Amino acid sequence: MAPAAASLSVSGPHALARLATSPFASRKNVGLSVSVGAPQPVALLAVVPRRGRRRMVAAAATAAEMAPAASGEEGKPFVEEMRAVAMRLHTKDQAKEGEKEPEAPPVARWEPSVEGYLRFLVDSKLVFETLEVIVDRAAVPWYSEFRNTGLERSEQLKKDLEWFRQQGHTIPESSAPGTTYASYLEELAEKDPQAFICHFYNVYFAHTAGGRMIGKKVSEKILNKKELEFYKWEGNLSQLLQNVRNKLNQVASSWSRGEKDHCLEETEKSFKYSGGLLRHIFT
């Protein structure tokens, strides 16, 4: 769920969501701004099974890796269109394509709490579980293309919440932002597959970019720099993302222009819902 450091907007109905769900955030800036431009690879350690043993490998994701792959079809790959729409929901400081005005101070000034972060993790777990159940059930046959992508997060979140419990923290129940979003995803999955895919793309891709930056900043402030399982992937993250891009482009190749436009029109709503989850961290 881009070049110079810039403030990130976090107030207003969609501003926080633009941070939470930007799939195109750079890790090079200290202020934790979302930006696009020259890629700055960042190594992320992930555990991968190999011949019965577990070994650590580096997984890197940069703004450049969020860009879609070239397509053999005429015209622009659909994932590139999705990315372009998302970029326009940034501010000019965050991306040259941005069209929004900044509305709040940079993330570096935020003061997260453990209690709020736990609410965020619990609601995030519900949303990721919902996405996983939907593609496993495959009410729309091509949803099955997105099973077992390696981007799934619910099991990792389960482990993280257990770790917090062992530290003596009380794990809250899911709250309105999470339950409302999960219900909306279920509804879309049955009645509006193109809109559902917009959320699927933004939730997963945003978490590998802007989501990781936010997680790193929260960890530095309240977790003594502990890296949660939520921010680790097995295998090469860049390749996992590429595989999903290819599937998205393949599925969308059969859509009409109207169906593609309908998918793109859902982008701002996906930012709004994801931003509601992130808001937990600071309230």
Protein backbone atom coordinates (compact mmCIF):
# COMPACT_ATOMS: atom_id res chain seq x y z
CA MET A 1 0.00 0.00 0.00
CA ALA A 2 10.60 9.60 -6.12
CA PRO A 3 14.20 12.94 -5.65
CA ALA A 4 14.68 15.59 -2.96
CA ALA A 5 13.54 15.26 0.62
CA ALA A 6 10.19 16.89 1.26
CA SER A 7 7.45 17.16 3.85
CA LEU A 8 4.76 14.54 3.83
CA SER A 9 1.17 15.56 4.11
CA VAL A 10 -0.76 13.70 6.81
CA SER A 11 -3.91 15.64 7.55
CA GLY A 12 -7.17 15.91 5.71
CA PRO A 13 -9.23 12.98 4.44
CA HIS A 14 -6.65 11.74 1.94
CA ALA A 15 -3.33 13.29 2.92
CA LEU A 16 -2.30 10.62 5.41
CA ALA A 17 -3.41 7.97 2.99
CA ARG A 18 -1.07 9.32 0.35
CA LEU A 19 1.82 8.57 2.68
CA ALA A 20 0.52 5.24 3.82
CA THR A 21 -0.19 3.88 0.39
CA SER A 22 2.36 5.44 -1.88
CA PRO A 23 4.01 2.59 -3.79
CA PHE A 24 6.71 4.94 -4.97
CA ALA A 25 8.51 6.21 -1.87
CA SER A 26 12.26 6.69 -1.80
CA ARG A 27 14.31 5.62 1.24
CA LYS A 28 17.03 8.24 0.77
CA ASN A 29 15.46 11.13 2.72
CA VAL A 30 15.80 11.70 6.42
CA GLY A 31 12.42 13.42 6.72
CA LEU A 32 10.69 10.26 5.51
CA SER A 33 9.11 12.04 2.57
CA VAL A 34 7.57 10.19 -0.32
CA SER A 35 9.44 10.96 -3.53
CA VAL A 36 10.36 9.51 -6.89
CA GLY A 37 13.53 9.71 -8.93
CA ALA A 38 16.94 8.09 -8.94
CA PRO A 39 16.69 4.71 -7.21
CA GLN A 40 18.47 4.21 -3.92
CA PRO A 41 18.54 0.45 -3.25
CA VAL A 42 18.03 -0.53 0.35
CA ALA A 43 18.91 -4.00 1.54
CA LEU A 44 16.29 -5.84 3.52
CA LEU A 45 17.14 -9.15 5.14
CA ALA A 46 14.68 -11.95 4.61
CA VAL A 47 14.79 -15.63 5.53
CA VAL A 48 14.57 -18.11 2.68
CA PRO A 49 14.42 -21.90 2.99
CA ARG A 50 17.02 -23.79 0.97
CA ARG A 51 17.56 -27.54 1.05
CA GLY A 52 16.03 -27.84 4.48
CA ARG A 53 18.08 -24.99 5.90
CA ARG A 54 17.30 -21.32 6.32
CA ARG A 55 19.57 -18.63 5.04
CA MET A 56 19.46 -14.87 4.94
CA VAL A 57 19.22 -13.10 1.61
CA ALA A 58 18.98 -9.46 0.71
CA ALA A 59 15.75 -8.15 -0.73
CA ALA A 60 15.79 -4.64 -2.14
CA ALA A 61 12.96 -2.44 -3.31
CA THR A 62 13.36 1.07 -4.62
CA ALA A 63 11.19 3.62 -6.32
CA ALA A 64 12.51 2.37 -9.64
CA GLU A 65 11.44 -1.16 -8.78
CA MET A 66 7.90 0.05 -8.30
CA ALA A 67 7.81 1.00 -11.97
CA PRO A 68 6.12 -1.52 -14.26
CA ALA A 69 7.91 -3.87 -16.60
CA ALA A 70 7.91 -3.34 -20.31
CA SER A 71 5.04 -5.01 -22.13
CA GLY A 72 5.02 -6.69 -25.49
CA GLU A 73 1.58 -5.20 -26.14
CA GLU A 74 0.98 -1.92 -27.86
CA GLY A 75 0.61 1.05 -25.54
CA LYS A 76 1.45 1.57 -21.90
CA PRO A 77 1.34 -1.39 -19.48
CA PHE A 78 -1.63 -0.98 -17.16
CA VAL A 79 0.45 -1.02 -13.99
CA GLU A 80 2.21 2.06 -15.31
CA GLU A 81 -1.17 3.76 -15.60
CA MET A 82 -1.99 2.80 -12.02
CA ARG A 83 1.32 4.20 -10.86
CA ALA A 84 0.78 7.46 -12.75
CA VAL A 85 -2.59 8.03 -11.10
CA ALA A 86 -1.09 7.39 -7.68
CA MET A 87 1.73 9.83 -8.34
CA ARG A 88 -0.73 12.61 -9.06
CA LEU A 89 -2.08 12.18 -5.52
CA HIS A 90 1.28 13.33 -4.15
CA THR A 91 2.34 16.93 -3.59
CA LYS A 92 4.74 18.75 -5.89
CA ASP A 93 7.44 18.41 -3.25
CA GLN A 94 6.99 14.65 -3.15
CA ALA A 95 6.91 14.07 -6.90
CA LYS A 96 7.07 16.19 -10.02
CA GLU A 97 3.76 14.68 -11.12
CA GLY A 98 2.11 15.62 -7.81
CA GLU A 99 -1.00 17.79 -7.84
CA LYS A 100 -1.88 18.00 -4.14
CA GLU A 101 -1.01 20.78 -1.72
CA PRO A 102 0.95 19.90 1.47
CA GLU A 103 -1.27 19.90 4.54
CA ALA A 104 0.87 18.79 7.51
CA PRO A 105 4.41 18.60 8.94
CA PRO A 106 6.86 15.85 7.89
CA VAL A 107 6.72 12.36 9.36
CA ALA A 108 9.96 12.98 11.28
CA ARG A 109 7.92 15.10 13.69
CA TRP A 110 5.34 12.44 14.43
CA GLU A 111 5.35 10.82 17.87
CA PRO A 112 3.97 7.28 17.60
CA SER A 113 2.85 5.21 20.57
CA VAL A 114 2.99 1.45 21.13
CA GLU A 115 -0.75 1.35 21.76
CA GLY A 116 -1.53 3.14 18.53
CA TYR A 117 0.96 1.06 16.58
CA LEU A 118 -0.69 -2.12 17.88
CA ARG A 119 -4.07 -0.88 16.65
CA PHE A 120 -2.49 -0.28 13.25
CA LEU A 121 -0.96 -3.77 13.16
CA VAL A 122 -4.20 -5.48 14.24
CA ASP A 123 -6.28 -3.68 11.62
CA SER A 124 -3.60 -4.25 8.98
CA LYS A 125 -3.68 -7.96 9.76
CA LEU A 126 -7.44 -8.03 9.17
CA VAL A 127 -7.07 -6.25 5.83
CA PHE A 128 -4.29 -8.52 4.60
CA GLU A 129 -6.19 -11.61 5.76
CA THR A 130 -9.21 -10.39 3.83
CA LEU A 131 -7.19 -9.90 0.66
CA GLU A 132 -5.70 -13.39 1.02
CA VAL A 133 -9.10 -15.03 1.60
CA ILE A 134 -10.59 -13.24 -1.41
CA VAL A 135 -7.93 -14.42 -3.85
CA ASP A 136 -7.98 -17.94 -2.38
CA ARG A 137 -11.75 -18.13 -2.77
CA ALA A 138 -11.53 -16.65 -6.30
CA ALA A 139 -15.17 -15.69 -6.80
CA VAL A 140 -13.80 -14.12 -9.97
CA PRO A 141 -11.65 -16.82 -11.63
CA TRP A 142 -8.64 -14.63 -12.40
CA TYR A 143 -8.28 -13.68 -8.72
CA SER A 144 -6.51 -17.03 -8.44
CA GLU A 145 -3.59 -15.51 -10.37
CA PHE A 146 -2.74 -13.59 -7.20
CA ARG A 147 -2.49 -16.52 -4.80
CA ASN A 148 0.82 -17.19 -3.08
CA THR A 149 2.63 -14.19 -4.53
CA GLY A 150 5.08 -14.00 -1.64
CA LEU A 151 3.73 -10.56 -0.70
CA GLU A 152 1.18 -11.96 1.78
CA ARG A 153 1.49 -10.43 5.25
CA SER A 154 -1.07 -11.96 7.61
CA GLU A 155 1.19 -14.72 8.99
CA GLN A 156 4.01 -12.24 9.56
CA LEU A 157 1.65 -9.93 11.41
CA LYS A 158 0.44 -12.83 13.53
CA LYS A 159 4.03 -13.47 14.63
CA ASP A 160 4.60 -9.79 15.38
CA LEU A 161 1.47 -9.51 17.51
CA GLU A 162 2.54 -12.59 19.45
CA TRP A 163 5.90 -10.95 20.09
CA PHE A 164 4.17 -7.86 21.48
CA ARG A 165 2.01 -10.08 23.69
CA GLN A 166 5.11 -11.75 25.07
CA GLN A 167 6.49 -8.32 25.92
CA GLY A 168 3.47 -7.76 28.16
CA HIS A 169 1.32 -5.69 25.82
CA THR A 170 -2.42 -6.20 25.47
CA ILE A 171 -3.43 -6.92 21.89
CA PRO A 172 -6.58 -4.95 20.98
CA GLU A 173 -9.50 -6.14 18.90
CA SER A 174 -9.93 -4.94 15.33
CA SER A 175 -11.43 -1.46 15.19
CA ALA A 176 -13.63 0.48 12.77
CA PRO A 177 -10.96 1.48 10.22
CA GLY A 178 -9.94 -2.14 9.77
CA THR A 179 -13.38 -3.75 9.85
CA THR A 180 -14.84 -1.10 7.54
CA TYR A 181 -12.06 -1.53 5.01
CA ALA A 182 -12.26 -5.34 5.15
CA SER A 183 -16.02 -5.23 4.55
CA TYR A 184 -15.56 -2.86 1.65
CA LEU A 185 -12.97 -5.16 0.06
CA GLU A 186 -15.33 -8.12 0.40
CA GLU A 187 -18.08 -6.13 -1.28
CA LEU A 188 -15.86 -5.00 -4.13
CA ALA A 189 -14.48 -8.49 -4.68
CA GLU A 190 -17.98 -9.80 -5.37
CA LYS A 191 -19.43 -6.90 -7.34
CA ASP A 192 -16.59 -4.80 -8.75
CA PRO A 193 -13.40 -6.74 -9.59
CA GLN A 194 -11.65 -3.87 -11.32
CA ALA A 195 -12.05 -1.65 -8.26
CA PHE A 196 -10.90 -4.50 -6.05
CA ILE A 197 -7.70 -4.88 -8.06
CA CYS A 198 -6.95 -1.19 -7.52
CA HIS A 199 -6.96 -1.80 -3.76
CA PHE A 200 -4.98 -5.01 -4.11
CA TYR A 201 -2.24 -3.19 -6.03
CA ASN A 202 -2.06 -0.17 -3.75
CA VAL A 203 -2.11 -2.09 -0.46
CA TYR A 204 0.63 -4.53 -1.38
CA PHE A 205 2.91 -2.25 -3.35
CA ALA A 206 2.60 0.61 -0.88
CA HIS A 207 3.64 -1.59 2.01
CA THR A 208 6.89 -2.55 0.27
CA ALA A 209 7.86 1.11 -0.16
CA GLY A 210 6.32 3.87 1.95
CA GLY A 211 5.08 1.29 4.45
CA ARG A 212 8.61 0.07 5.11
CA MET A 213 9.84 3.61 5.63
CA ILE A 214 7.13 4.27 8.18
CA GLY A 215 7.87 0.99 9.92
CA LYS A 216 11.55 1.88 10.16
CA LYS A 217 10.80 5.28 11.65
CA VAL A 218 8.34 3.83 14.18
CA SER A 219 10.84 1.14 15.14
CA GLU A 220 13.55 3.76 15.76
CA LYS A 221 11.24 5.75 18.02
CA ILE A 222 9.46 3.11 20.10
CA LEU A 223 10.89 -0.39 19.44
CA ASN A 224 14.63 0.13 19.88
CA LYS A 225 15.08 -0.41 16.12
CA LYS A 226 13.58 -3.91 16.14
CA GLU A 227 12.61 -5.01 12.64
CA LEU A 228 9.23 -6.69 12.66
CA GLU A 229 8.33 -9.67 10.48
CA PHE A 230 5.78 -7.41 8.79
CA TYR A 231 8.69 -5.77 6.99
CA LYS A 232 10.52 -8.94 5.90
CA TRP A 233 9.94 -11.04 2.79
CA GLU A 234 11.20 -14.45 1.79
CA GLY A 235 13.23 -14.33 -1.41
CA ASN A 236 14.02 -11.39 -3.63
CA LEU A 237 11.42 -8.70 -3.06
CA SER A 238 12.13 -7.02 -6.37
CA GLN A 239 11.32 -10.22 -8.22
CA LEU A 240 8.20 -10.83 -6.16
CA LEU A 241 6.94 -7.37 -7.11
CA GLN A 242 7.85 -7.91 -10.73
CA ASN A 243 5.91 -11.17 -10.83
CA VAL A 244 2.80 -9.43 -9.52
CA ARG A 245 3.19 -6.56 -12.00
CA ASN A 246 3.31 -9.07 -14.83
CA LYS A 247 0.13 -10.76 -13.58
CA LEU A 248 -1.66 -7.43 -13.19
CA ASN A 249 -0.73 -6.41 -16.70
CA GLN A 250 -1.82 -9.79 -18.05
CA VAL A 251 -5.20 -9.68 -16.32
CA ALA A 252 -5.87 -6.07 -17.35
CA SER A 253 -5.03 -6.83 -20.97
CA SER A 254 -8.50 -8.35 -21.32
CA TRP A 255 -10.30 -5.34 -19.85
CA SER A 256 -12.07 -2.70 -21.87
CA ARG A 257 -10.88 0.88 -21.71
CA GLY A 258 -13.88 1.68 -19.55
CA GLU A 259 -13.00 -1.07 -17.07
CA LYS A 260 -9.42 0.16 -16.84
CA ASP A 261 -10.56 3.71 -16.22
CA HIS A 262 -12.94 2.49 -13.52
CA CYS A 263 -10.05 0.74 -11.79
CA LEU A 264 -7.95 3.89 -11.90
CA GLU A 265 -10.79 5.99 -10.50
CA GLU A 266 -10.73 3.89 -7.30
CA THR A 267 -7.17 4.96 -6.42
CA GLU A 268 -7.99 7.88 -4.16
CA LYS A 269 -10.49 5.78 -2.24
CA SER A 270 -7.84 3.11 -1.67
CA PHE A 271 -5.56 5.81 -0.25
CA LYS A 272 -8.32 7.00 2.05
CA TYR A 273 -8.97 3.58 3.55
CA SER A 274 -5.30 2.71 4.00
CA GLY A 275 -4.64 6.11 5.50
CA GLY A 276 -7.32 5.43 8.08
CA LEU A 277 -5.30 2.46 9.30
CA LEU A 278 -2.07 4.42 9.50
CA ARG A 279 -3.76 7.15 11.49
CA HIS A 280 -3.88 4.74 14.45
CA ILE A 281 -0.16 5.20 15.00
CA PHE A 282 -0.51 8.86 15.92
CA THR A 283 -3.76 9.00 17.87
